[in-house]
Amino acid sequence: MWGVSGLTSRTERERLASVENAVTRAAVQAYAIEGQYPSGIGYLQENYGLSVDLDKYIVEYRVFASNIMPSITVLPKDFNSDSFASAASDFEVFDGMDPDISWFNGE
């Protein structure tokens, strides 16, 4: 039954990429209009119509400087799912809190 499992993980990776692309597009649009990248995705939600299903995804939005593109990572909230195991292989393990990271999970 590898075919179904492979399809599910591919679909989940596509969904994660789609959310990441939406956040990236909103950040680039804000930069084009305002001349700086926003400090968090809350600003993108309020001012640029960004919509992320926070029941399903965690968005990591790392800002280094207002004139440098933020690092954006999207992870599924359900870390126990089979789709996460294959999607997680695309990300580095982060084992500590960096003060420059803006975690946004709706809380």
PDB file of N, CA and C in Angstrom:
ATOM      1  N   MET A   1       0.818  -1.184   0.000  1.00  0.00           N
ATOM      2  CA  MET A   1       0.000   0.000   0.000  1.00  0.00           C
ATOM      3  C   MET A   1       0.866   1.252   0.000  1.00  0.00           C
ATOM      4  N   TRP A   2       2.070   1.143  -0.477  1.00  0.00           N
ATOM      5  CA  TRP A   2       2.985   2.274  -0.524  1.00  0.00           C
ATOM      6  C   TRP A   2       2.432   3.383  -1.405  1.00  0.00           C
ATOM      7  N   GLY A   3       1.714   3.037  -2.464  1.00  0.00           N
ATOM      8  CA  GLY A   3       1.197   4.039  -3.392  1.00  0.00           C
ATOM      9  C   GLY A   3       0.289   5.048  -2.716  1.00  0.00           C
ATOM     10  N   VAL A   4      -0.619   4.594  -1.868  1.00  0.00           N
ATOM     11  CA  VAL A   4      -1.530   5.495  -1.167  1.00  0.00           C
ATOM     12  C   VAL A   4      -0.751   6.340  -0.162  1.00  0.00           C
ATOM     13  N   SER A   5       0.151   5.715   0.578  1.00  0.00           N
ATOM     14  CA  SER A   5       0.959   6.446   1.546  1.00  0.00           C
ATOM     15  C   SER A   5       1.821   7.488   0.857  1.00  0.00           C
ATOM     16  N   GLY A   6       2.421   7.131  -0.269  1.00  0.00           N
ATOM     17  CA  GLY A   6       3.241   8.071  -1.027  1.00  0.00           C
ATOM     18  C   GLY A   6       2.428   9.243  -1.531  1.00  0.00           C
ATOM     19  N   LEU A   7       1.207   8.977  -1.970  1.00  0.00           N
ATOM     20  CA  LEU A   7       0.331  10.030  -2.457  1.00  0.00           C
ATOM     21  C   LEU A   7      -0.042  10.982  -1.324  1.00  0.00           C
ATOM     22  N   THR A   8      -0.360  10.423  -0.145  1.00  0.00           N
ATOM     23  CA  THR A   8      -0.726  11.248   1.001  1.00  0.00           C
ATOM     24  C   THR A   8       0.426  12.147   1.402  1.00  0.00           C
ATOM     25  N   SER A   9       1.636  11.588   1.486  1.00  0.00           N
ATOM     26  CA  SER A   9       2.764  12.414   1.905  1.00  0.00           C
ATOM     27  C   SER A   9       3.091  13.463   0.842  1.00  0.00           C
ATOM     28  N   ARG A  10       2.944  13.103  -0.428  1.00  0.00           N
ATOM     29  CA  ARG A  10       3.186  14.083  -1.491  1.00  0.00           C
ATOM     30  C   ARG A  10       2.156  15.211  -1.420  1.00  0.00           C
ATOM     31  N   THR A  11       0.909  14.855  -1.195  1.00  0.00           N
ATOM     32  CA  THR A  11      -0.150  15.855  -1.071  1.00  0.00           C
ATOM     33  C   THR A  11       0.113  16.770   0.117  1.00  0.00           C
ATOM     34  N   GLU A  12       0.533  16.206   1.234  1.00  0.00           N
ATOM     35  CA  GLU A  12       0.819  17.025   2.417  1.00  0.00           C
ATOM     36  C   GLU A  12       1.999  17.948   2.146  1.00  0.00           C
ATOM     37  N   ARG A  13       3.036  17.452   1.480  1.00  0.00           N
ATOM     38  CA  ARG A  13       4.179  18.313   1.142  1.00  0.00           C
ATOM     39  C   ARG A  13       3.734  19.455   0.234  1.00  0.00           C
ATOM     40  N   GLU A  14       2.825  19.160  -0.700  1.00  0.00           N
ATOM     41  CA  GLU A  14       2.311  20.208  -1.580  1.00  0.00           C
ATOM     42  C   GLU A  14       1.514  21.237  -0.789  1.00  0.00           C
ATOM     43  N   ARG A  15       0.741  20.797   0.186  1.00  0.00           N
ATOM     44  CA  ARG A  15      -0.023  21.726   1.022  1.00  0.00           C
ATOM     45  C   ARG A  15       0.911  22.608   1.849  1.00  0.00           C
ATOM     46  N   LEU A  16       1.945  21.999   2.425  1.00  0.00           N
ATOM     47  CA  LEU A  16       2.915  22.774   3.201  1.00  0.00           C
ATOM     48  C   LEU A  16       3.599  23.806   2.313  1.00  0.00           C
ATOM     49  N   ALA A  17       3.971  23.402   1.109  1.00  0.00           N
ATOM     50  CA  ALA A  17       4.616  24.327   0.167  1.00  0.00           C
ATOM     51  C   ALA A  17       3.661  25.447  -0.228  1.00  0.00           C
ATOM     52  N   SER A  18       2.384  25.125  -0.388  1.00  0.00           N
ATOM     53  CA  SER A  18       1.391  26.130  -0.757  1.00  0.00           C
ATOM     54  C   SER A  18       1.238  27.188   0.338  1.00  0.00           C
ATOM     55  N   VAL A  19       1.196  26.748   1.594  1.00  0.00           N
ATOM     56  CA  VAL A  19       1.095  27.697   2.706  1.00  0.00           C
ATOM     57  C   VAL A  19       2.365  28.540   2.777  1.00  0.00           C
ATOM     58  N   GLU A  20       3.524  27.893   2.635  1.00  0.00           N
ATOM     59  CA  GLU A  20       4.790  28.634   2.669  1.00  0.00           C
ATOM     60  C   GLU A  20       4.853  29.665   1.542  1.00  0.00           C
ATOM     61  N   ASN A  21       4.396  29.289   0.358  1.00  0.00           N
ATOM     62  CA  ASN A  21       4.376  30.232  -0.769  1.00  0.00           C
ATOM     63  C   ASN A  21       3.443  31.407  -0.511  1.00  0.00           C
ATOM     64  N   ALA A  22       2.298  31.149   0.124  1.00  0.00           N
ATOM     65  CA  ALA A  22       1.359  32.232   0.429  1.00  0.00           C
ATOM     66  C   ALA A  22       1.983  33.230   1.403  1.00  0.00           C
ATOM     67  N   VAL A  23       2.676  32.721   2.426  1.00  0.00           N
ATOM     68  CA  VAL A  23       3.333  33.612   3.395  1.00  0.00           C
ATOM     69  C   VAL A  23       4.439  34.403   2.693  1.00  0.00           C
ATOM     70  N   THR A  24       5.206  33.721   1.854  1.00  0.00           N
ATOM     71  CA  THR A  24       6.291  34.377   1.120  1.00  0.00           C
ATOM     72  C   THR A  24       5.765  35.472   0.205  1.00  0.00           C
ATOM     73  N   ARG A  25       4.701  35.176  -0.542  1.00  0.00           N
ATOM     74  CA  ARG A  25       4.117  36.176  -1.447  1.00  0.00           C
ATOM     75  C   ARG A  25       3.635  37.402  -0.677  1.00  0.00           C
ATOM     76  N   ALA A  26       2.989  37.172   0.466  1.00  0.00           N
ATOM     77  CA  ALA A  26       2.505  38.299   1.270  1.00  0.00           C
ATOM     78  C   ALA A  26       3.670  39.135   1.800  1.00  0.00           C
ATOM     79  N   ALA A  27       4.746  38.481   2.234  1.00  0.00           N
ATOM     80  CA  ALA A  27       5.912  39.210   2.739  1.00  0.00           C
ATOM     81  C   ALA A  27       6.563  40.032   1.630  1.00  0.00           C
ATOM     82  N   VAL A  28       6.684  39.447   0.440  1.00  0.00           N
ATOM     83  CA  VAL A  28       7.278  40.158  -0.695  1.00  0.00           C
ATOM     84  C   VAL A  28       6.393  41.331  -1.110  1.00  0.00           C
ATOM     85  N   GLN A  29       5.088  41.131  -1.097  1.00  0.00           N
ATOM     86  CA  GLN A  29       4.169  42.220  -1.433  1.00  0.00           C
ATOM     87  C   GLN A  29       4.324  43.369  -0.436  1.00  0.00           C
ATOM     88  N   ALA A  30       4.414  43.033   0.862  1.00  0.00           N
ATOM     89  CA  ALA A  30       4.599  44.068   1.879  1.00  0.00           C
ATOM     90  C   ALA A  30       5.916  44.804   1.647  1.00  0.00           C
ATOM     91  N   TYR A  31       6.964  44.074   1.293  1.00  0.00           N
ATOM     92  CA  TYR A  31       8.264  44.702   1.040  1.00  0.00           C
ATOM     93  C   TYR A  31       8.189  45.637  -0.162  1.00  0.00           C
ATOM     94  N   ALA A  32       7.500  45.198  -1.204  1.00  0.00           N
ATOM     95  CA  ALA A  32       7.376  46.022  -2.412  1.00  0.00           C
ATOM     96  C   ALA A  32       6.611  47.311  -2.139  1.00  0.00           C
ATOM     97  N   ILE A  33       5.611  47.232  -1.299  1.00  0.00           N
ATOM     98  CA  ILE A  33       4.780  48.402  -1.009  1.00  0.00           C
ATOM     99  C   ILE A  33       5.402  49.299   0.059  1.00  0.00           C
ATOM    100  N   GLU A  34       5.946  48.694   1.118  1.00  0.00           N
ATOM    101  CA  GLU A  34       6.397  49.460   2.282  1.00  0.00           C
ATOM    102  C   GLU A  34       7.909  49.632   2.373  1.00  0.00           C
ATOM    103  N   GLY A  35       8.669  48.870   1.585  1.00  0.00           N
ATOM    104  CA  GLY A  35      10.122  48.986   1.614  1.00  0.00           C
ATOM    105  C   GLY A  35      10.799  48.238   2.744  1.00  0.00           C
ATOM    106  N   GLN A  36      10.059  47.407   3.452  1.00  0.00           N
ATOM    107  CA  GLN A  36      10.645  46.564   4.500  1.00  0.00           C
ATOM    108  C   GLN A  36       9.756  45.349   4.715  1.00  0.00           C
ATOM    109  N   TYR A  37      10.391  44.269   5.196  1.00  0.00           N
ATOM    110  CA  TYR A  37       9.633  43.059   5.498  1.00  0.00           C
ATOM    111  C   TYR A  37       8.990  43.217   6.868  1.00  0.00           C
ATOM    112  N   PRO A  38       7.761  42.737   7.038  1.00  0.00           N
ATOM    113  CA  PRO A  38       7.091  42.826   8.341  1.00  0.00           C
ATOM    114  C   PRO A  38       7.812  41.986   9.390  1.00  0.00           C
ATOM    115  N   SER A  39       7.617  42.329  10.645  1.00  0.00           N
ATOM    116  CA  SER A  39       8.273  41.614  11.735  1.00  0.00           C
ATOM    117  C   SER A  39       7.570  40.309  12.107  1.00  0.00           C
ATOM    118  N   GLY A  40       6.368  40.081  11.600  1.00  0.00           N
ATOM    119  CA  GLY A  40       5.652  38.844  11.910  1.00  0.00           C
ATOM    120  C   GLY A  40       4.493  38.620  10.962  1.00  0.00           C
ATOM    121  N   ILE A  41       3.966  37.392  10.951  1.00  0.00           N
ATOM    122  CA  ILE A  41       2.879  37.121  10.013  1.00  0.00           C
ATOM    123  C   ILE A  41       1.540  37.687  10.481  1.00  0.00           C
ATOM    124  N   GLY A  42       1.440  38.033  11.756  1.00  0.00           N
ATOM    125  CA  GLY A  42       0.221  38.695  12.220  1.00  0.00           C
ATOM    126  C   GLY A  42      -0.034  39.966  11.433  1.00  0.00           C
ATOM    127  N   TYR A  43       1.030  40.696  11.148  1.00  0.00           N
ATOM    128  CA  TYR A  43       0.925  41.921  10.347  1.00  0.00           C
ATOM    129  C   TYR A  43       0.450  41.594   8.937  1.00  0.00           C
ATOM    130  N   LEU A  44       0.951  40.490   8.387  1.00  0.00           N
ATOM    131  CA  LEU A  44       0.539  40.084   7.040  1.00  0.00           C
ATOM    132  C   LEU A  44      -0.932  39.681   7.020  1.00  0.00           C
ATOM    133  N   GLN A  45      -1.392  39.057   8.082  1.00  0.00           N
ATOM    134  CA  GLN A  45      -2.800  38.679   8.167  1.00  0.00           C
ATOM    135  C   GLN A  45      -3.692  39.909   8.245  1.00  0.00           C
ATOM    136  N   GLU A  46      -3.299  40.866   9.054  1.00  0.00           N
ATOM    137  CA  GLU A  46      -4.118  42.059   9.255  1.00  0.00           C
ATOM    138  C   GLU A  46      -4.112  42.996   8.055  1.00  0.00           C
ATOM    139  N   ASN A  47      -2.972  43.128   7.387  1.00  0.00           N
ATOM    140  CA  ASN A  47      -2.825  44.149   6.351  1.00  0.00           C
ATOM    141  C   ASN A  47      -2.759  43.639   4.913  1.00  0.00           C
ATOM    142  N   TYR A  48      -2.504  42.348   4.740  1.00  0.00           N
ATOM    143  CA  TYR A  48      -2.350  41.823   3.382  1.00  0.00           C
ATOM    144  C   TYR A  48      -3.228  40.614   3.100  1.00  0.00           C
ATOM    145  N   GLY A  49      -4.167  40.330   3.986  1.00  0.00           N
ATOM    146  CA  GLY A  49      -5.146  39.281   3.738  1.00  0.00           C
ATOM    147  C   GLY A  49      -4.604  37.859   3.794  1.00  0.00           C
ATOM    148  N   LEU A  50      -3.454  37.650   4.411  1.00  0.00           N
ATOM    149  CA  LEU A  50      -2.902  36.302   4.530  1.00  0.00           C
ATOM    150  C   LEU A  50      -3.823  35.469   5.404  1.00  0.00           C
ATOM    151  N   SER A  51      -4.135  34.274   4.945  1.00  0.00           N
ATOM    152  CA  SER A  51      -4.989  33.369   5.694  1.00  0.00           C
ATOM    153  C   SER A  51      -4.293  32.015   5.799  1.00  0.00           C
ATOM    154  N   VAL A  52      -4.039  31.583   7.035  1.00  0.00           N
ATOM    155  CA  VAL A  52      -3.397  30.300   7.289  1.00  0.00           C
ATOM    156  C   VAL A  52      -4.271  29.529   8.266  1.00  0.00           C
ATOM    157  N   ASP A  53      -4.542  28.261   7.966  1.00  0.00           N
ATOM    158  CA  ASP A  53      -5.333  27.421   8.862  1.00  0.00           C
ATOM    159  C   ASP A  53      -4.448  27.002  10.032  1.00  0.00           C
ATOM    160  N   LEU A  54      -4.544  27.734  11.132  1.00  0.00           N
ATOM    161  CA  LEU A  54      -3.679  27.514  12.275  1.00  0.00           C
ATOM    162  C   LEU A  54      -4.080  26.295  13.093  1.00  0.00           C
ATOM    163  N   ASP A  55      -5.184  25.651  12.737  1.00  0.00           N
ATOM    164  CA  ASP A  55      -5.535  24.372  13.348  1.00  0.00           C
ATOM    165  C   ASP A  55      -4.718  23.247  12.721  1.00  0.00           C
ATOM    166  N   LYS A  56      -4.181  23.496  11.522  1.00  0.00           N
ATOM    167  CA  LYS A  56      -3.423  22.470  10.803  1.00  0.00           C
ATOM    168  C   LYS A  56      -1.930  22.742  10.712  1.00  0.00           C
ATOM    169  N   TYR A  57      -1.518  24.018  10.764  1.00  0.00           N
ATOM    170  CA  TYR A  57      -0.127  24.360  10.487  1.00  0.00           C
ATOM    171  C   TYR A  57       0.488  25.271  11.537  1.00  0.00           C
ATOM    172  N   ILE A  58       1.781  25.121  11.708  1.00  0.00           N
ATOM    173  CA  ILE A  58       2.592  26.031  12.509  1.00  0.00           C
ATOM    174  C   ILE A  58       3.504  26.752  11.526  1.00  0.00           C
ATOM    175  N   VAL A  59       3.562  28.067  11.632  1.00  0.00           N
ATOM    176  CA  VAL A  59       4.391  28.863  10.727  1.00  0.00           C
ATOM    177  C   VAL A  59       5.545  29.463  11.522  1.00  0.00           C
ATOM    178  N   GLU A  60       6.760  29.168  11.077  1.00  0.00           N
ATOM    179  CA  GLU A  60       7.954  29.777  11.660  1.00  0.00           C
ATOM    180  C   GLU A  60       8.376  30.895  10.719  1.00  0.00           C
ATOM    181  N   TYR A  61       8.429  32.102  11.235  1.00  0.00           N
ATOM    182  CA  TYR A  61       8.753  33.295  10.436  1.00  0.00           C
ATOM    183  C   TYR A  61       9.939  33.964  11.111  1.00  0.00           C
ATOM    184  N   ARG A  62      11.137  33.751  10.571  1.00  0.00           N
ATOM    185  CA  ARG A  62      12.372  34.266  11.171  1.00  0.00           C
ATOM    186  C   ARG A  62      12.788  35.550  10.480  1.00  0.00           C
ATOM    187  N   VAL A  63      12.929  36.603  11.269  1.00  0.00           N
ATOM    188  CA  VAL A  63      13.333  37.894  10.726  1.00  0.00           C
ATOM    189  C   VAL A  63      14.759  38.190  11.179  1.00  0.00           C
ATOM    190  N   PHE A  64      15.620  38.492  10.218  1.00  0.00           N
ATOM    191  CA  PHE A  64      16.993  38.893  10.532  1.00  0.00           C
ATOM    192  C   PHE A  64      17.106  40.411  10.506  1.00  0.00           C
ATOM    193  N   ALA A  65      16.582  41.019   9.458  1.00  0.00           N
ATOM    194  CA  ALA A  65      16.594  42.476   9.304  1.00  0.00           C
ATOM    195  C   ALA A  65      15.434  42.846   8.389  1.00  0.00           C
ATOM    196  N   SER A  66      14.977  44.072   8.489  1.00  0.00           N
ATOM    197  CA  SER A  66      13.796  44.492   7.731  1.00  0.00           C
ATOM    198  C   SER A  66      14.032  44.534   6.220  1.00  0.00           C
ATOM    199  N   ASN A  67      15.298  44.510   5.796  1.00  0.00           N
ATOM    200  CA  ASN A  67      15.586  44.550   4.363  1.00  0.00           C
ATOM    201  C   ASN A  67      16.074  43.210   3.818  1.00  0.00           C
ATOM    202  N   ILE A  68      16.010  42.155   4.635  1.00  0.00           N
ATOM    203  CA  ILE A  68      16.409  40.809   4.213  1.00  0.00           C
ATOM    204  C   ILE A  68      15.196  39.897   4.323  1.00  0.00           C
ATOM    205  N   MET A  69      14.955  39.113   3.274  1.00  0.00           N
ATOM    206  CA  MET A  69      13.806  38.203   3.248  1.00  0.00           C
ATOM    207  C   MET A  69      13.811  37.287   4.468  1.00  0.00           C
ATOM    208  N   PRO A  70      12.696  37.237   5.197  1.00  0.00           N
ATOM    209  CA  PRO A  70      12.614  36.348   6.361  1.00  0.00           C
ATOM    210  C   PRO A  70      12.710  34.879   5.942  1.00  0.00           C
ATOM    211  N   SER A  71      13.163  34.056   6.856  1.00  0.00           N
ATOM    212  CA  SER A  71      13.152  32.612   6.658  1.00  0.00           C
ATOM    213  C   SER A  71      11.765  32.126   7.070  1.00  0.00           C
ATOM    214  N   ILE A  72      11.111  31.374   6.197  1.00  0.00           N
ATOM    215  CA  ILE A  72       9.742  30.934   6.454  1.00  0.00           C
ATOM    216  C   ILE A  72       9.694  29.413   6.371  1.00  0.00           C
ATOM    217  N   THR A  73       9.174  28.780   7.424  1.00  0.00           N
ATOM    218  CA  THR A  73       9.013  27.332   7.459  1.00  0.00           C
ATOM    219  C   THR A  73       7.602  27.029   7.929  1.00  0.00           C
ATOM    220  N   VAL A  74       6.962  26.076   7.280  1.00  0.00           N
ATOM    221  CA  VAL A  74       5.620  25.664   7.663  1.00  0.00           C
ATOM    222  C   VAL A  74       5.666  24.178   8.002  1.00  0.00           C
ATOM    223  N   LEU A  75       5.106  23.841   9.153  1.00  0.00           N
ATOM    224  CA  LEU A  75       5.053  22.450   9.609  1.00  0.00           C
ATOM    225  C   LEU A  75       3.618  22.085   9.935  1.00  0.00           C
ATOM    226  N   PRO A  76       3.262  20.808   9.778  1.00  0.00           N
ATOM    227  CA  PRO A  76       1.916  20.394  10.186  1.00  0.00           C
ATOM    228  C   PRO A  76       1.820  20.399  11.706  1.00  0.00           C
ATOM    229  N   LYS A  77       0.673  20.754  12.234  1.00  0.00           N
ATOM    230  CA  LYS A  77       0.485  20.774  13.682  1.00  0.00           C
ATOM    231  C   LYS A  77       0.419  19.354  14.240  1.00  0.00           C
ATOM    232  N   ASP A  78      -0.048  18.414  13.434  1.00  0.00           N
ATOM    233  CA  ASP A  78      -0.159  17.017  13.859  1.00  0.00           C
ATOM    234  C   ASP A  78       1.163  16.315  13.577  1.00  0.00           C
ATOM    235  N   PHE A  79       2.093  16.394  14.531  1.00  0.00           N
ATOM    236  CA  PHE A  79       3.422  15.820  14.343  1.00  0.00           C
ATOM    237  C   PHE A  79       3.412  14.300  14.330  1.00  0.00           C
ATOM    238  N   ASN A  80       2.306  13.669  14.706  1.00  0.00           N
ATOM    239  CA  ASN A  80       2.246  12.214  14.758  1.00  0.00           C
ATOM    240  C   ASN A  80       1.750  11.604  13.456  1.00  0.00           C
ATOM    241  N   SER A  81       1.359  12.427  12.509  1.00  0.00           N
ATOM    242  CA  SER A  81       0.811  11.890  11.269  1.00  0.00           C
ATOM    243  C   SER A  81       1.913  11.297  10.405  1.00  0.00           C
ATOM    244  N   ASP A  82       1.541  10.329   9.571  1.00  0.00           N
ATOM    245  CA  ASP A  82       2.492   9.726   8.633  1.00  0.00           C
ATOM    246  C   ASP A  82       3.000  10.756   7.649  1.00  0.00           C
ATOM    247  N   SER A  83       2.156  11.700   7.286  1.00  0.00           N
ATOM    248  CA  SER A  83       2.568  12.706   6.313  1.00  0.00           C
ATOM    249  C   SER A  83       3.658  13.603   6.875  1.00  0.00           C
ATOM    250  N   PHE A  84       3.662  13.802   8.208  1.00  0.00           N
ATOM    251  CA  PHE A  84       4.706  14.627   8.792  1.00  0.00           C
ATOM    252  C   PHE A  84       6.061  13.956   8.672  1.00  0.00           C
ATOM    253  N   ALA A  85       6.104  12.643   8.840  1.00  0.00           N
ATOM    254  CA  ALA A  85       7.384  11.934   8.797  1.00  0.00           C
ATOM    255  C   ALA A  85       8.103  12.185   7.481  1.00  0.00           C
ATOM    256  N   SER A  86       7.385  12.138   6.377  1.00  0.00           N
ATOM    257  CA  SER A  86       8.051  12.376   5.094  1.00  0.00           C
ATOM    258  C   SER A  86       8.256  13.861   4.848  1.00  0.00           C
ATOM    259  N   ALA A  87       7.329  14.701   5.296  1.00  0.00           N
ATOM    260  CA  ALA A  87       7.481  16.140   5.104  1.00  0.00           C
ATOM    261  C   ALA A  87       8.622  16.673   5.961  1.00  0.00           C
ATOM    262  N   ALA A  88       8.806  16.106   7.148  1.00  0.00           N
ATOM    263  CA  ALA A  88       9.841  16.585   8.065  1.00  0.00           C
ATOM    264  C   ALA A  88      11.234  16.332   7.520  1.00  0.00           C
ATOM    265  N   SER A  89      11.378  15.395   6.618  1.00  0.00           N
ATOM    266  CA  SER A  89      12.705  15.121   6.073  1.00  0.00           C
ATOM    267  C   SER A  89      13.235  16.308   5.280  1.00  0.00           C
ATOM    268  N   ASP A  90      12.368  17.237   4.905  1.00  0.00           N
ATOM    269  CA  ASP A  90      12.782  18.429   4.163  1.00  0.00           C
ATOM    270  C   ASP A  90      13.287  19.550   5.074  1.00  0.00           C
ATOM    271  N   PHE A  91      13.177  19.387   6.402  1.00  0.00           N
ATOM    272  CA  PHE A  91      13.525  20.445   7.334  1.00  0.00           C
ATOM    273  C   PHE A  91      14.658  20.016   8.253  1.00  0.00           C
ATOM    274  N   GLU A  92      15.424  20.994   8.728  1.00  0.00           N
ATOM    275  CA  GLU A  92      16.458  20.733   9.713  1.00  0.00           C
ATOM    276  C   GLU A  92      15.812  20.652  11.090  1.00  0.00           C
ATOM    277  N   VAL A  93      16.413  19.879  11.973  1.00  0.00           N
ATOM    278  CA  VAL A  93      15.923  19.790  13.343  1.00  0.00           C
ATOM    279  C   VAL A  93      16.370  21.032  14.094  1.00  0.00           C
ATOM    280  N   PHE A  94      15.455  21.662  14.783  1.00  0.00           N
ATOM    281  CA  PHE A  94      15.757  22.866  15.562  1.00  0.00           C
ATOM    282  C   PHE A  94      15.490  22.525  17.014  1.00  0.00           C
ATOM    283  N   ASP A  95      16.535  22.495  17.840  1.00  0.00           N
ATOM    284  CA  ASP A  95      16.377  22.023  19.208  1.00  0.00           C
ATOM    285  C   ASP A  95      16.467  23.116  20.274  1.00  0.00           C
ATOM    286  N   GLY A  96      16.372  24.356  19.894  1.00  0.00           N
ATOM    287  CA  GLY A  96      16.411  25.429  20.882  1.00  0.00           C
ATOM    288  C   GLY A  96      15.663  26.641  20.388  1.00  0.00           C
ATOM    289  N   MET A  97      15.358  27.532  21.273  1.00  0.00           N
ATOM    290  CA  MET A  97      14.633  28.737  20.882  1.00  0.00           C
ATOM    291  C   MET A  97      15.619  29.842  20.538  1.00  0.00           C
ATOM    292  N   ASP A  98      15.481  30.379  19.395  1.00  0.00           N
ATOM    293  CA  ASP A  98      16.285  31.500  18.937  1.00  0.00           C
ATOM    294  C   ASP A  98      15.462  32.766  19.191  1.00  0.00           C
ATOM    295  N   PRO A  99      16.016  33.768  19.838  1.00  0.00           N
ATOM    296  CA  PRO A  99      15.220  34.965  20.146  1.00  0.00           C
ATOM    297  C   PRO A  99      14.757  35.724  18.912  1.00  0.00           C
ATOM    298  N   ASP A 100      15.328  35.435  17.735  1.00  0.00           N
ATOM    299  CA  ASP A 100      14.908  36.118  16.525  1.00  0.00           C
ATOM    300  C   ASP A 100      13.789  35.406  15.793  1.00  0.00           C
ATOM    301  N   ILE A 101      13.253  34.338  16.384  1.00  0.00           N
ATOM    302  CA  ILE A 101      12.199  33.583  15.729  1.00  0.00           C
ATOM    303  C   ILE A 101      10.845  34.055  16.219  1.00  0.00           C
ATOM    304  N   SER A 102       9.953  34.260  15.292  1.00  0.00           N
ATOM    305  CA  SER A 102       8.577  34.596  15.627  1.00  0.00           C
ATOM    306  C   SER A 102       7.716  33.380  15.311  1.00  0.00           C
ATOM    307  N   TRP A 103       7.384  32.577  16.334  1.00  0.00           N
ATOM    308  CA  TRP A 103       6.511  31.420  16.138  1.00  0.00           C
ATOM    309  C   TRP A 103       5.084  31.914  16.138  1.00  0.00           C
ATOM    310  N   PHE A 104       4.331  31.475  15.195  1.00  0.00           N
ATOM    311  CA  PHE A 104       2.937  31.908  15.141  1.00  0.00           C
ATOM    312  C   PHE A 104       2.065  30.684  15.004  1.00  0.00           C
ATOM    313  N   ASN A 105       1.334  30.369  16.054  1.00  0.00           N
ATOM    314  CA  ASN A 105       0.438  29.229  16.000  1.00  0.00           C
ATOM    315  C   ASN A 105      -0.941  29.574  16.550  1.00  0.00           C
ATOM    316  N   GLY A 106      -1.255  30.853  16.574  1.00  0.00           N
ATOM    317  CA  GLY A 106      -2.590  31.288  16.964  1.00  0.00           C
ATOM    318  C   GLY A 106      -2.816  31.387  18.455  1.00  0.00           C
ATOM    319  N   GLU A 107      -1.793  31.184  19.243  1.00  0.00           N
ATOM    320  CA  GLU A 107      -1.981  31.263  20.695  1.00  0.00           C
ATOM    321  C   GLU A 107      -1.487  32.578  21.236  1.00  0.00           C
TER     322      GLU A 107
END
